[in-house]
Amino acid sequence: MHDTETTPRELLEEIVSIPSVSGEEDDCAQRLATYFERHGREAWLDEAGNVRAPADDSALLTSHIDTVPGDIPVQIDAAEETEEPALWGRGSVDAKGPLVAMAVAAVRTGLSFVGVVGEEVDSRGARHLITDRDAPEAVINGEPSGWNGITLGYRGLLAGTYVATSESGHTSRPENNAIQDAMDWWWRVEAAFEPDEWTPVFERVTCKPIGVGGGTTDDGLSVEASMDVQLRVPPSHTVEEVREIADAQLNGGTIRWYDEVPPVMMGPRTDVARAFRVGIRDQSGDPRLLRKTGTSDMNVFASEWDCPMVTYGPGDSDLDHAPNEHLPLPSFERAIAVLETVGTTLQ
């Protein structure tokens, strides 16, 4: 079937059926590029593997191609929560539903499009993009917000690895070993950022260890400890402030920070946010303004491009990475209609 005859539902099912775990996005990216070419649009894969389909830069429609691992049979079946027909499969929500909605809307409106790679790992596609092209007039980033939701803010990220070494000794000795140094440092960090119970999660610095290792070395002469950590940074803080506070808690060992992503918070009165409110109301929806406690490529774009942005896309973000990931198809089609209205309004 030629792409000019392919329906959005059919394209979505095909794209979800093509595995695209981070680092293995090429087949899916090629299919997206073909979709644009068959609609008369120039499209190619850049050095990072992103699908580039430049056109009207009144707004850049962009979402990510990659998914987390997970084998969920691709099928159309009723959604558990609404009994509407839904597409089940890994990536249907995060973020191939938003990705295909952006692609269809870009073809119908003539807006610029980029499908980026690596969002689930290191945002390498978005990081390449901000160094390789000028800022558009607006960015519409694709992630699940619900078809009637608009995400205006994300917390930032600070990630690092703590390492400590101490001499081995009898466990009856009172001095800390490396494992205790690591534990003590982490307790100090948590205490430094402990919020009161009334502070919303979005406004907190949250601290999570994501990997821990340690023990006596093979030669029996030392004790080693390592801890991989992530701290989420609200817009009320800078990444630099959070890093300095965490560094100040060190009482042994060292920390190597390897990833820093600044937080982002956009205002609700930009032209692009207003256009979304109009588009959602045109589809008989009640617009919801959202703030997300995680991090997305919107953070990366906002770190370099000074233009209004929102994140938008069909799907329930509670199903991100879940074993029952599925996207109700009526919501997917309403999201395309919203994006068409937004695109027309901004041009």
Protein backbone atom coordinates (compact mmCIF):
# COMPACT_ATOMS: atom_id res chain seq x y z
CA MET A 1 0.00 0.00 0.00
CA HIS A 2 1.30 3.46 -0.92
CA ASP A 3 1.68 5.88 1.99
CA THR A 4 -0.83 8.25 0.38
CA GLU A 5 -3.39 5.49 0.99
CA THR A 6 -2.14 4.52 4.46
CA THR A 7 -4.38 5.68 7.31
CA PRO A 8 -2.88 7.12 10.51
CA ARG A 9 -4.01 4.00 12.41
CA GLU A 10 -2.27 1.74 9.90
CA LEU A 11 0.92 3.79 10.05
CA LEU A 12 0.86 3.72 13.84
CA GLU A 13 0.42 -0.06 13.93
CA GLU A 14 3.28 -0.48 11.45
CA ILE A 15 5.63 1.82 13.36
CA VAL A 16 4.85 0.10 16.69
CA SER A 17 5.49 -3.27 15.02
CA ILE A 18 9.04 -2.25 14.07
CA PRO A 19 11.30 -2.77 17.14
CA SER A 20 13.35 0.33 17.95
CA VAL A 21 15.02 -0.15 21.32
CA SER A 22 17.53 2.63 22.02
CA GLY A 23 20.51 2.15 19.72
CA GLU A 24 18.51 0.09 17.23
CA GLU A 25 16.23 2.74 15.72
CA ASP A 26 17.42 2.62 12.09
CA ASP A 27 14.66 0.41 10.59
CA CYS A 28 11.92 2.47 12.20
CA ALA A 29 13.64 5.72 11.22
CA GLN A 30 13.89 4.60 7.60
CA ARG A 31 10.17 3.79 7.56
CA LEU A 32 9.34 7.28 8.84
CA ALA A 33 11.58 8.89 6.24
CA THR A 34 9.82 6.88 3.52
CA TYR A 35 6.45 8.12 4.80
CA PHE A 36 7.53 11.74 4.28
CA GLU A 37 9.14 11.06 0.89
CA ARG A 38 5.96 9.41 -0.42
CA HIS A 39 4.07 12.54 0.55
CA GLY A 40 6.42 14.72 -1.46
CA ARG A 41 8.56 15.84 1.46
CA GLU A 42 12.36 15.84 1.58
CA ALA A 43 13.56 13.55 4.39
CA TRP A 44 16.82 11.93 5.44
CA LEU A 45 18.64 10.38 8.39
CA ASP A 46 21.32 12.65 9.86
CA GLU A 47 24.63 11.68 11.48
CA ALA A 48 22.95 10.84 14.78
CA GLY A 49 20.24 8.74 13.13
CA ASN A 50 17.47 11.33 13.48
CA VAL A 51 14.77 11.56 10.79
CA ARG A 52 14.91 15.10 9.42
CA ALA A 53 12.01 16.49 7.36
CA PRO A 54 12.47 20.28 7.35
CA ALA A 55 9.73 22.59 6.11
CA ASP A 56 7.83 25.48 7.73
CA ASP A 57 9.65 26.37 10.96
CA SER A 58 6.65 28.15 12.49
CA ALA A 59 6.80 25.10 14.75
CA LEU A 60 9.04 22.05 14.90
CA LEU A 61 7.12 18.85 15.58
CA THR A 62 9.44 16.31 17.20
CA SER A 63 9.25 13.10 19.19
CA HIS A 64 11.51 10.14 19.87
CA ILE A 65 11.78 6.91 17.90
CA ASP A 66 13.44 4.73 20.53
CA THR A 67 11.73 2.63 23.19
CA VAL A 68 12.78 0.76 26.28
CA PRO A 69 13.08 -3.04 25.93
CA GLY A 70 10.00 -5.22 26.32
CA ASP A 71 8.10 -7.66 24.14
CA ILE A 72 4.38 -6.81 24.09
CA PRO A 73 2.43 -8.48 21.26
CA VAL A 74 1.19 -5.83 18.84
CA GLN A 75 -2.57 -6.08 18.53
CA ILE A 76 -5.73 -3.98 18.48
CA ASP A 77 -7.97 -4.80 21.42
CA ALA A 78 -10.24 -2.95 23.82
CA ALA A 79 -8.61 -0.58 26.30
CA GLU A 80 -9.06 -1.78 29.88
CA GLU A 81 -10.14 1.62 31.18
CA THR A 82 -12.51 2.80 28.41
CA GLU A 83 -13.32 -0.26 26.26
CA GLU A 84 -12.35 1.83 23.21
CA PRO A 85 -10.23 0.11 20.55
CA ALA A 86 -6.58 0.44 21.50
CA LEU A 87 -3.24 -0.49 19.99
CA TRP A 88 -1.16 -2.62 22.35
CA GLY A 89 2.61 -2.86 21.97
CA ARG A 90 5.90 -1.57 23.30
CA GLY A 91 6.21 2.11 22.47
CA SER A 92 2.54 2.64 21.66
CA VAL A 93 2.42 5.29 24.40
CA ASP A 94 6.09 6.17 24.91
CA ALA A 95 6.37 7.59 22.40
CA LYS A 96 5.31 6.16 19.04
CA GLY A 97 1.75 7.37 19.47
CA PRO A 98 2.98 10.97 19.82
CA LEU A 99 5.65 10.34 17.15
CA VAL A 100 3.19 9.19 14.49
CA ALA A 101 0.66 11.88 15.44
CA MET A 102 3.43 14.46 14.91
CA ALA A 103 4.43 12.91 11.56
CA VAL A 104 0.86 12.87 10.23
CA ALA A 105 0.23 16.44 11.40
CA ALA A 106 3.53 17.61 9.89
CA VAL A 107 2.55 16.18 6.49
CA ARG A 108 -0.93 17.71 6.65
CA THR A 109 0.21 21.17 7.80
CA GLY A 110 3.61 21.47 6.12
CA LEU A 111 5.44 22.01 9.41
CA SER A 112 8.99 20.84 10.13
CA PHE A 113 9.48 17.41 11.71
CA VAL A 114 12.30 15.55 13.41
CA GLY A 115 12.13 12.03 14.84
CA VAL A 116 14.99 11.83 17.34
CA VAL A 117 16.93 8.85 18.67
CA GLY A 118 18.26 7.93 22.08
CA GLU A 119 15.80 9.80 24.31
CA GLU A 120 15.43 6.85 26.68
CA VAL A 121 19.20 6.70 27.28
CA ASP A 122 21.13 9.93 26.75
CA SER A 123 19.06 12.17 24.43
CA ARG A 124 21.86 11.97 21.88
CA GLY A 125 19.47 12.77 19.03
CA ALA A 126 18.19 15.95 20.67
CA ARG A 127 21.70 16.94 21.73
CA HIS A 128 22.89 16.58 18.14
CA LEU A 129 19.94 18.56 16.83
CA ILE A 130 20.55 21.66 18.95
CA THR A 131 24.11 21.87 17.63
CA ASP A 132 23.15 21.24 14.00
CA ARG A 133 20.31 23.66 13.27
CA ASP A 134 18.94 27.02 14.35
CA ALA A 135 16.03 27.32 16.73
CA PRO A 136 12.56 27.14 15.20
CA GLU A 137 9.88 29.67 16.13
CA ALA A 138 8.33 27.11 18.51
CA VAL A 139 8.88 23.50 19.58
CA ILE A 140 6.14 20.91 20.04
CA ASN A 141 7.79 17.93 21.70
CA GLY A 142 6.04 14.58 21.61
CA GLU A 143 5.47 12.67 24.84
CA PRO A 144 2.23 11.27 26.30
CA SER A 145 0.23 13.98 28.04
CA GLY A 146 -3.24 12.74 27.17
CA TRP A 147 -4.87 14.23 24.08
CA ASN A 148 -6.29 17.07 26.21
CA GLY A 149 -3.13 17.72 28.27
CA ILE A 150 -0.29 20.20 27.70
CA THR A 151 3.01 19.67 29.54
CA LEU A 152 4.75 22.95 30.34
CA GLY A 153 7.48 21.87 32.75
CA TYR A 154 9.94 19.09 33.57
CA ARG A 155 12.42 18.70 36.37
CA GLY A 156 16.10 18.46 35.47
CA LEU A 157 18.56 15.66 36.17
CA LEU A 158 21.91 15.29 37.87
CA ALA A 159 23.48 11.82 37.65
CA GLY A 160 26.78 10.58 39.01
CA THR A 161 28.83 7.74 40.44
CA TYR A 162 30.28 7.79 43.97
CA VAL A 163 33.44 5.72 44.57
CA ALA A 164 35.31 5.08 47.82
CA THR A 165 38.19 2.85 48.91
CA SER A 166 39.45 2.03 52.40
CA GLU A 167 42.04 -0.30 53.89
CA SER A 168 40.70 -3.67 54.90
CA GLY A 169 40.59 -4.43 58.60
CA HIS A 170 38.81 -6.38 61.26
CA THR A 171 35.09 -5.60 61.38
CA SER A 172 35.41 -4.80 65.10
CA ARG A 173 37.35 -1.59 64.30
CA PRO A 174 35.34 1.62 64.84
CA GLU A 175 36.61 3.49 61.77
CA ASN A 176 34.36 3.70 58.73
CA ASN A 177 35.13 1.47 55.81
CA ALA A 178 34.34 2.51 52.23
CA ILE A 179 30.86 1.03 52.36
CA GLN A 180 30.01 3.06 55.46
CA ASP A 181 31.43 6.20 53.80
CA ALA A 182 29.10 5.66 50.85
CA MET A 183 26.10 5.08 53.11
CA ASP A 184 26.92 8.10 55.25
CA TRP A 185 27.32 10.35 52.20
CA TRP A 186 23.97 9.27 50.80
CA TRP A 187 22.18 9.80 54.11
CA ARG A 188 23.66 13.30 54.26
CA VAL A 189 22.49 14.05 50.72
CA GLU A 190 18.96 12.87 51.48
CA ALA A 191 18.89 14.93 54.65
CA ALA A 192 20.15 18.04 52.82
CA PHE A 193 17.23 17.88 50.41
CA GLU A 194 14.54 16.55 52.75
CA PRO A 195 11.33 18.46 51.94
CA ASP A 196 8.46 19.28 54.22
CA GLU A 197 5.33 17.21 53.65
CA TRP A 198 3.52 20.09 51.96
CA THR A 199 5.99 20.53 49.10
CA PRO A 200 4.65 19.10 45.82
CA VAL A 201 6.88 16.45 44.22
CA PHE A 202 7.54 18.66 41.19
CA GLU A 203 9.06 21.31 43.48
CA ARG A 204 11.34 18.90 45.38
CA VAL A 205 14.86 17.67 44.78
CA THR A 206 14.37 13.91 44.87
CA CYS A 207 17.33 11.61 45.41
CA LYS A 208 17.54 8.03 44.16
CA PRO A 209 20.37 5.48 44.27
CA ILE A 210 20.06 3.34 41.13
CA GLY A 211 23.01 0.96 41.61
CA VAL A 212 25.20 -0.10 44.53
CA GLY A 213 28.29 -2.30 44.70
CA GLY A 214 30.99 -3.02 47.23
CA GLY A 215 33.01 -5.42 49.29
CA THR A 216 36.53 -6.62 50.01
CA THR A 217 38.81 -6.66 46.98
CA ASP A 218 40.08 -9.97 45.59
CA ASP A 219 43.52 -9.41 47.12
CA GLY A 220 41.95 -8.88 50.56
CA LEU A 221 43.77 -5.57 51.12
CA SER A 222 41.00 -3.04 50.53
CA VAL A 223 37.28 -2.42 50.80
CA GLU A 224 35.63 -0.72 47.84
CA ALA A 225 32.19 0.84 47.37
CA SER A 226 30.41 2.42 44.45
CA MET A 227 26.97 3.99 44.12
CA ASP A 228 25.20 5.28 41.02
CA VAL A 229 22.80 8.09 41.90
CA GLN A 230 20.28 10.41 40.28
CA LEU A 231 18.91 13.67 41.65
CA ARG A 232 15.89 15.33 40.04
CA VAL A 233 16.12 19.11 39.97
CA PRO A 234 13.05 21.39 40.13
CA PRO A 235 12.96 24.76 38.33
CA SER A 236 13.46 26.52 41.69
CA HIS A 237 17.04 25.18 41.70
CA THR A 238 19.85 25.03 39.18
CA VAL A 239 21.77 21.85 38.52
CA GLU A 240 24.89 23.65 39.74
CA GLU A 241 23.28 24.45 43.11
CA VAL A 242 22.22 20.84 43.62
CA ARG A 243 25.67 19.56 42.65
CA GLU A 244 27.39 21.91 45.10
CA ILE A 245 25.13 20.80 47.96
CA ALA A 246 25.72 17.11 47.19
CA ASP A 247 29.48 17.67 46.93
CA ALA A 248 29.48 19.41 50.31
CA GLN A 249 28.22 16.23 51.97
CA LEU A 250 31.29 14.17 51.03
CA ASN A 251 33.07 12.68 54.03
CA GLY A 252 35.25 10.24 52.13
CA GLY A 253 35.26 9.04 48.56
CA THR A 254 34.71 11.01 45.38
CA ILE A 255 31.78 11.65 43.07
CA ARG A 256 31.96 11.89 39.28
CA TRP A 257 28.97 13.65 37.77
CA TYR A 258 28.41 12.37 34.24
CA ASP A 259 25.02 13.78 33.22
CA GLU A 260 23.43 17.18 33.82
CA VAL A 261 20.11 18.31 32.33
CA PRO A 262 18.63 21.65 33.43
CA PRO A 263 14.96 21.90 34.47
CA VAL A 264 12.48 23.70 32.24
CA MET A 265 9.25 25.56 32.95
CA MET A 266 7.35 27.36 30.19
CA GLY A 267 4.57 29.89 30.71
CA PRO A 268 0.93 29.12 29.85
CA ARG A 269 0.40 32.31 27.84
CA THR A 270 2.73 31.74 24.90
CA ASP A 271 1.25 31.58 21.40
CA VAL A 272 1.86 27.85 21.20
CA ALA A 273 0.20 27.14 24.58
CA ARG A 274 -2.80 29.26 23.58
CA ALA A 275 -3.06 27.43 20.26
CA PHE A 276 -3.22 24.12 22.09
CA ARG A 277 -5.98 25.31 24.37
CA VAL A 278 -7.98 26.34 21.29
CA GLY A 279 -7.26 23.05 19.52
CA ILE A 280 -8.29 20.95 22.51
CA ARG A 281 -11.50 22.90 23.01
CA ASP A 282 -12.28 22.47 19.29
CA GLN A 283 -12.29 18.72 19.98
CA SER A 284 -14.67 19.24 22.94
CA GLY A 285 -11.89 18.78 25.49
CA ASP A 286 -11.07 20.63 28.68
CA PRO A 287 -7.37 21.61 28.48
CA ARG A 288 -5.15 20.46 31.35
CA LEU A 289 -1.83 22.15 32.12
CA LEU A 290 0.75 19.66 33.40
CA ARG A 291 4.13 19.59 35.10
CA LYS A 292 6.11 16.33 34.93
CA THR A 293 8.47 15.11 37.64
CA GLY A 294 10.79 13.37 35.16
CA THR A 295 12.93 14.73 32.32
CA SER A 296 12.46 14.80 28.54
CA ASP A 297 14.08 16.10 25.36
CA MET A 298 12.23 19.36 25.96
CA ASN A 299 14.82 20.05 28.69
CA VAL A 300 17.59 19.63 26.11
CA PHE A 301 15.90 21.87 23.54
CA ALA A 302 15.23 24.58 26.14
CA SER A 303 18.88 24.56 27.25
CA GLU A 304 19.91 25.94 23.84
CA TRP A 305 16.88 27.32 22.01
CA ASP A 306 15.13 30.47 23.24
CA CYS A 307 11.65 29.87 21.87
CA PRO A 308 8.27 28.81 23.32
CA MET A 309 7.76 25.09 23.81
CA VAL A 310 5.18 22.59 24.96
CA THR A 311 5.17 18.82 25.19
CA TYR A 312 2.09 17.06 23.89
CA GLY A 313 0.89 13.67 22.77
CA PRO A 314 -1.83 11.04 23.12
CA GLY A 315 -1.55 8.36 25.78
CA ASP A 316 -1.50 7.85 29.52
CA SER A 317 2.03 8.42 30.84
CA ASP A 318 1.32 5.97 33.68
CA LEU A 319 1.67 3.28 30.99
CA ASP A 320 5.20 4.38 30.01
CA HIS A 321 7.47 1.30 30.07
CA ALA A 322 4.61 -0.78 31.53
CA PRO A 323 3.85 -4.41 30.56
CA ASN A 324 0.30 -3.38 29.56
CA GLU A 325 1.31 -0.39 27.42
CA HIS A 326 -1.52 0.51 25.05
CA LEU A 327 -2.95 3.57 23.29
CA PRO A 328 -6.69 4.14 22.75
CA LEU A 329 -7.06 4.87 19.03
CA PRO A 330 -9.80 7.53 19.30
CA SER A 331 -7.46 9.55 21.54
CA PHE A 332 -4.68 9.17 18.97
CA GLU A 333 -6.95 10.56 16.24
CA ARG A 334 -8.14 13.43 18.42
CA ALA A 335 -4.50 14.33 19.09
CA ILE A 336 -3.83 14.54 15.35
CA ALA A 337 -6.80 16.89 14.96
CA VAL A 338 -5.50 19.06 17.81
CA LEU A 339 -2.04 19.21 16.22
CA GLU A 340 -3.53 20.21 12.86
CA THR A 341 -5.41 23.08 14.50
CA VAL A 342 -2.27 24.17 16.37
CA GLY A 343 -0.18 24.03 13.22
CA THR A 344 -2.69 26.04 11.21
CA THR A 345 -2.95 28.63 14.00
CA LEU A 346 0.80 29.12 14.29
CA GLN A 347 1.50 29.45 10.56
